[in-house]
Amino acid sequence: MNTHQVFQSRFGPTEWVKPYLSDTLMSLPSQGIKRVLVATPAFVADCLETHRRNSR
């Protein structure tokens, strides 16, 4: 199993910690990866809005 640590919480045009979740997810199909598991342990407890955004 391959793992990636990525970062999701960015607001507006300001640079944030990389790699970004959205960029990483978009790049996976070209690498032959069709299934992913996203775990957001801190955000589920701290920010329901972030959890909902990741669940789309």
Protein backbone atom coordinates (compact mmCIF):
# COMPACT_ATOMS: atom_id res chain seq x y z
CA MET A 1 0.00 0.00 0.00
CA ASN A 2 1.31 3.45 -0.94
CA THR A 3 0.61 6.38 1.33
CA HIS A 4 0.71 10.12 0.72
CA GLN A 5 0.51 12.92 3.24
CA VAL A 6 -1.25 15.89 1.67
CA PHE A 7 -2.79 19.12 2.91
CA GLN A 8 -6.31 20.39 2.28
CA SER A 9 -6.92 23.52 4.36
CA ARG A 10 -6.15 26.45 2.14
CA PHE A 11 -8.30 29.53 1.74
CA GLY A 12 -8.11 31.98 -1.10
CA PRO A 13 -5.09 32.53 -3.35
CA THR A 14 -2.49 32.38 -0.56
CA GLU A 15 0.12 29.61 -0.81
CA TRP A 16 -0.29 26.85 1.75
CA VAL A 17 1.56 23.73 2.83
CA LYS A 18 1.99 21.38 -0.13
CA PRO A 19 1.26 18.99 -1.70
CA TYR A 20 -2.40 19.91 -1.98
CA LEU A 21 -5.03 17.20 -1.63
CA SER A 22 -6.85 18.26 -4.80
CA ASP A 23 -3.69 18.22 -6.95
CA THR A 24 -2.66 14.84 -5.60
CA LEU A 25 -6.09 13.29 -6.19
CA MET A 26 -6.17 14.60 -9.76
CA SER A 27 -2.74 13.08 -10.50
CA LEU A 28 -3.51 9.56 -9.25
CA PRO A 29 -5.46 8.21 -12.28
CA SER A 30 -2.53 8.92 -14.59
CA GLN A 31 -0.45 6.71 -12.27
CA GLY A 32 -2.97 3.87 -12.63
CA ILE A 33 -4.46 4.44 -9.17
CA LYS A 34 -8.23 4.03 -9.25
CA ARG A 35 -9.14 3.73 -5.58
CA VAL A 36 -8.14 5.90 -2.63
CA LEU A 37 -8.86 6.09 1.07
CA VAL A 38 -8.83 9.59 2.54
CA ALA A 39 -8.44 9.82 6.32
CA THR A 40 -8.81 13.20 8.01
CA PRO A 41 -8.61 12.40 11.73
CA ALA A 42 -8.01 15.90 13.07
CA PHE A 43 -10.52 17.59 10.82
CA VAL A 44 -13.36 15.20 11.59
CA ALA A 45 -13.11 16.18 15.24
CA ASP A 46 -12.27 19.85 14.73
CA CYS A 47 -14.10 21.01 11.62
CA LEU A 48 -17.25 19.35 10.31
CA GLU A 49 -17.29 21.71 7.32
CA THR A 50 -13.92 20.36 6.14
CA HIS A 51 -15.15 16.80 6.56
CA ARG A 52 -18.23 17.54 4.46
CA ARG A 53 -16.10 19.18 1.77
CA ASN A 54 -13.86 16.09 1.59
CA SER A 55 -16.90 13.80 1.39
CA ARG A 56 -18.12 15.19 -1.95
